[in-house]
Amino acid sequence: MNRITAVWAIALASASLALVAGCNGAQFSQPPPPDSGPPCSTLSPIISCDAGGPPSATACTADPSSSDSVVARIPTGNYPENCSVQFYFDDFGGTCSAAHIPCLCNLTDAGAQWTPCADAGISGLP
């Protein structure tokens, strides 16, 4: 009887070890779940200047009613010439990256204007 009990105990222990090893091995064979941090589009943009100056012909203003969906997201303020604003987007690697084409305040014949800019999270540009 002792011999049968010992065989069963060994078999049960072996099965338990196999189960534990299988469960522990699963964490190494499957990727971890993606980080569920804040969406990249909600991160504050990178702004290269102080946006607190007075409105003038040489300053770009934020325009939430702009037909350009990226320019419409620029925070309120008056931005001097050569100021740039870059928004974050979800890149293909799953991290947040700054847009490749920033919004740039340029002086034109009609006064300061935002150049066409990109936010891959909205416009689909890389």
C-alpha atoms as a PDB file:
ATOM      1  CA  MET A   1       0.000   0.000   0.000  1.00  0.00           C
ATOM      2  CA  ASN A   2       2.840   2.352   0.790  1.00  0.00           C
ATOM      3  CA  ARG A   3       4.308   1.732  -2.624  1.00  0.00           C
ATOM      4  CA  ILE A   4       1.070   2.709  -4.419  1.00  0.00           C
ATOM      5  CA  THR A   5       0.714   5.814  -2.258  1.00  0.00           C
ATOM      6  CA  ALA A   6       4.301   6.822  -3.062  1.00  0.00           C
ATOM      7  CA  VAL A   7       3.695   6.384  -6.817  1.00  0.00           C
ATOM      8  CA  TRP A   8       0.552   8.519  -6.614  1.00  0.00           C
ATOM      9  CA  ALA A   9       2.369  11.178  -4.592  1.00  0.00           C
ATOM     10  CA  ILE A  10       5.198  11.316  -7.149  1.00  0.00           C
ATOM     11  CA  ALA A  11       2.735  11.472 -10.048  1.00  0.00           C
ATOM     12  CA  LEU A  12       0.746  14.248  -8.365  1.00  0.00           C
ATOM     13  CA  ALA A  13       3.920  16.208  -7.572  1.00  0.00           C
ATOM     14  CA  SER A  14       5.122  15.845 -11.180  1.00  0.00           C
ATOM     15  CA  ALA A  15       1.778  17.030 -12.543  1.00  0.00           C
ATOM     16  CA  SER A  16       1.803  20.015 -10.179  1.00  0.00           C
ATOM     17  CA  LEU A  17       5.327  20.955 -11.236  1.00  0.00           C
ATOM     18  CA  ALA A  18       4.401  20.696 -14.914  1.00  0.00           C
ATOM     19  CA  LEU A  19       1.355  22.912 -14.343  1.00  0.00           C
ATOM     20  CA  VAL A  20       3.330  25.519 -12.400  1.00  0.00           C
ATOM     21  CA  ALA A  21       6.146  25.487 -14.953  1.00  0.00           C
ATOM     22  CA  GLY A  22       3.593  25.896 -17.762  1.00  0.00           C
ATOM     23  CA  CYS A  23       1.917  28.829 -16.045  1.00  0.00           C
ATOM     24  CA  ASN A  24       5.203  30.512 -15.217  1.00  0.00           C
ATOM     25  CA  GLY A  25       6.512  29.928 -18.733  1.00  0.00           C
ATOM     26  CA  ALA A  26       3.452  31.654 -20.224  1.00  0.00           C
ATOM     27  CA  GLN A  27       4.555  35.031 -18.967  1.00  0.00           C
ATOM     28  CA  PHE A  28       7.742  34.733 -20.998  1.00  0.00           C
ATOM     29  CA  SER A  29       6.135  33.534 -24.221  1.00  0.00           C
ATOM     30  CA  GLN A  30       3.412  36.203 -24.438  1.00  0.00           C
ATOM     31  CA  PRO A  31       3.993  39.981 -24.740  1.00  0.00           C
ATOM     32  CA  PRO A  32       2.836  42.105 -21.827  1.00  0.00           C
ATOM     33  CA  PRO A  33      -0.402  44.051 -22.303  1.00  0.00           C
ATOM     34  CA  PRO A  34       0.070  47.532 -23.847  1.00  0.00           C
ATOM     35  CA  ASP A  35       0.532  50.433 -21.447  1.00  0.00           C
ATOM     36  CA  SER A  36      -2.795  52.186 -21.097  1.00  0.00           C
ATOM     37  CA  GLY A  37      -1.358  55.643 -20.426  1.00  0.00           C
ATOM     38  CA  PRO A  38      -2.952  58.887 -21.642  1.00  0.00           C
ATOM     39  CA  PRO A  39      -3.539  59.206 -25.405  1.00  0.00           C
ATOM     40  CA  CYS A  40      -0.678  61.022 -27.157  1.00  0.00           C
ATOM     41  CA  SER A  41      -3.086  63.617 -28.547  1.00  0.00           C
ATOM     42  CA  THR A  42      -3.873  64.788 -24.998  1.00  0.00           C
ATOM     43  CA  LEU A  43      -0.225  65.613 -24.170  1.00  0.00           C
ATOM     44  CA  SER A  44       0.740  69.292 -24.111  1.00  0.00           C
ATOM     45  CA  PRO A  45       2.413  70.405 -27.349  1.00  0.00           C
ATOM     46  CA  ILE A  46       6.084  71.404 -27.539  1.00  0.00           C
ATOM     47  CA  ILE A  47       6.151  75.217 -27.895  1.00  0.00           C
ATOM     48  CA  SER A  48       9.468  76.922 -28.663  1.00  0.00           C
ATOM     49  CA  CYS A  49       8.508  80.419 -27.453  1.00  0.00           C
ATOM     50  CA  ASP A  50       6.537  82.428 -24.928  1.00  0.00           C
ATOM     51  CA  ALA A  51       2.984  82.843 -26.182  1.00  0.00           C
ATOM     52  CA  GLY A  52       2.158  85.777 -23.905  1.00  0.00           C
ATOM     53  CA  GLY A  53       3.033  88.748 -26.128  1.00  0.00           C
ATOM     54  CA  PRO A  54       0.563  91.347 -27.425  1.00  0.00           C
ATOM     55  CA  PRO A  55      -1.291  90.777 -30.715  1.00  0.00           C
ATOM     56  CA  SER A  56       0.513  92.345 -33.663  1.00  0.00           C
ATOM     57  CA  ALA A  57       1.149  91.977 -37.388  1.00  0.00           C
ATOM     58  CA  THR A  58       4.312  90.024 -36.528  1.00  0.00           C
ATOM     59  CA  ALA A  59       2.589  87.567 -34.163  1.00  0.00           C
ATOM     60  CA  CYS A  60       0.452  84.524 -34.927  1.00  0.00           C
ATOM     61  CA  THR A  61      -2.656  84.039 -32.841  1.00  0.00           C
ATOM     62  CA  ALA A  62      -4.289  80.808 -31.805  1.00  0.00           C
ATOM     63  CA  ASP A  63      -7.467  80.284 -33.794  1.00  0.00           C
ATOM     64  CA  PRO A  64      -9.748  77.522 -32.486  1.00  0.00           C
ATOM     65  CA  SER A  65     -12.079  78.142 -35.457  1.00  0.00           C
ATOM     66  CA  SER A  66      -9.310  77.507 -38.017  1.00  0.00           C
ATOM     67  CA  SER A  67     -10.186  75.143 -40.871  1.00  0.00           C
ATOM     68  CA  ASP A  68      -6.779  73.496 -40.267  1.00  0.00           C
ATOM     69  CA  SER A  69      -7.606  70.958 -37.525  1.00  0.00           C
ATOM     70  CA  VAL A  70      -4.009  71.047 -36.219  1.00  0.00           C
ATOM     71  CA  VAL A  71      -3.761  74.867 -36.052  1.00  0.00           C
ATOM     72  CA  ALA A  72      -7.136  74.882 -34.267  1.00  0.00           C
ATOM     73  CA  ARG A  73      -5.529  72.925 -31.392  1.00  0.00           C
ATOM     74  CA  ILE A  74      -2.747  75.494 -30.694  1.00  0.00           C
ATOM     75  CA  PRO A  75      -3.212  76.847 -27.139  1.00  0.00           C
ATOM     76  CA  THR A  76      -4.535  80.378 -26.769  1.00  0.00           C
ATOM     77  CA  GLY A  77      -1.922  83.113 -27.056  1.00  0.00           C
ATOM     78  CA  ASN A  78       0.040  85.369 -29.401  1.00  0.00           C
ATOM     79  CA  TYR A  79       3.086  83.634 -30.845  1.00  0.00           C
ATOM     80  CA  PRO A  80       6.055  85.618 -32.196  1.00  0.00           C
ATOM     81  CA  GLU A  81       7.577  85.082 -35.634  1.00  0.00           C
ATOM     82  CA  ASN A  82       9.597  81.827 -35.955  1.00  0.00           C
ATOM     83  CA  CYS A  83       7.827  80.223 -33.006  1.00  0.00           C
ATOM     84  CA  SER A  84       7.083  76.535 -33.558  1.00  0.00           C
ATOM     85  CA  VAL A  85       4.433  74.258 -32.048  1.00  0.00           C
ATOM     86  CA  GLN A  86       4.641  70.457 -32.315  1.00  0.00           C
ATOM     87  CA  PHE A  87       1.898  68.068 -31.257  1.00  0.00           C
ATOM     88  CA  TYR A  88       2.396  64.468 -30.145  1.00  0.00           C
ATOM     89  CA  PHE A  89       1.005  61.475 -32.016  1.00  0.00           C
ATOM     90  CA  ASP A  90       1.019  57.687 -31.699  1.00  0.00           C
ATOM     91  CA  ASP A  91       3.898  56.423 -33.838  1.00  0.00           C
ATOM     92  CA  PHE A  92       4.062  52.927 -35.293  1.00  0.00           C
ATOM     93  CA  GLY A  93       6.219  51.699 -32.402  1.00  0.00           C
ATOM     94  CA  GLY A  94       3.418  52.434 -29.939  1.00  0.00           C
ATOM     95  CA  THR A  95       5.091  55.428 -28.290  1.00  0.00           C
ATOM     96  CA  CYS A  96       4.315  59.149 -28.442  1.00  0.00           C
ATOM     97  CA  SER A  97       6.426  61.132 -30.911  1.00  0.00           C
ATOM     98  CA  ALA A  98       6.483  64.799 -31.872  1.00  0.00           C
ATOM     99  CA  ALA A  99       4.984  65.552 -35.283  1.00  0.00           C
ATOM    100  CA  HIS A 100       7.574  65.731 -38.069  1.00  0.00           C
ATOM    101  CA  ILE A 101       6.233  69.026 -39.430  1.00  0.00           C
ATOM    102  CA  PRO A 102       5.690  71.642 -36.678  1.00  0.00           C
ATOM    103  CA  CYS A 103       3.343  74.607 -36.948  1.00  0.00           C
ATOM    104  CA  LEU A 104       5.666  77.575 -37.608  1.00  0.00           C
ATOM    105  CA  CYS A 105       4.753  81.248 -37.287  1.00  0.00           C
ATOM    106  CA  ASN A 106       6.048  82.956 -40.457  1.00  0.00           C
ATOM    107  CA  LEU A 107       5.866  86.616 -41.455  1.00  0.00           C
ATOM    108  CA  THR A 108       4.111  86.977 -44.817  1.00  0.00           C
ATOM    109  CA  ASP A 109       2.858  89.961 -46.852  1.00  0.00           C
ATOM    110  CA  ALA A 110      -0.453  89.691 -45.004  1.00  0.00           C
ATOM    111  CA  GLY A 111       1.189  89.537 -41.559  1.00  0.00           C
ATOM    112  CA  ALA A 112       2.222  86.552 -39.484  1.00  0.00           C
ATOM    113  CA  GLN A 113       0.599  83.255 -40.481  1.00  0.00           C
ATOM    114  CA  TRP A 114       0.947  79.617 -39.405  1.00  0.00           C
ATOM    115  CA  THR A 115       2.635  77.433 -42.016  1.00  0.00           C
ATOM    116  CA  PRO A 116       0.978  74.095 -42.842  1.00  0.00           C
ATOM    117  CA  CYS A 117       1.838  71.672 -40.058  1.00  0.00           C
ATOM    118  CA  ALA A 118       1.209  68.043 -39.274  1.00  0.00           C
ATOM    119  CA  ASP A 119      -0.086  65.941 -36.433  1.00  0.00           C
ATOM    120  CA  ALA A 120      -0.066  62.312 -37.504  1.00  0.00           C
ATOM    121  CA  GLY A 121      -2.728  61.592 -34.882  1.00  0.00           C
ATOM    122  CA  ILE A 122      -5.195  63.749 -36.813  1.00  0.00           C
ATOM    123  CA  SER A 123      -3.963  64.189 -40.363  1.00  0.00           C
ATOM    124  CA  GLY A 124      -2.611  60.719 -40.994  1.00  0.00           C
ATOM    125  CA  LEU A 125       0.784  62.066 -42.061  1.00  0.00           C
ATOM    126  CA  PRO A 126       3.891  60.178 -40.883  1.00  0.00           C
END
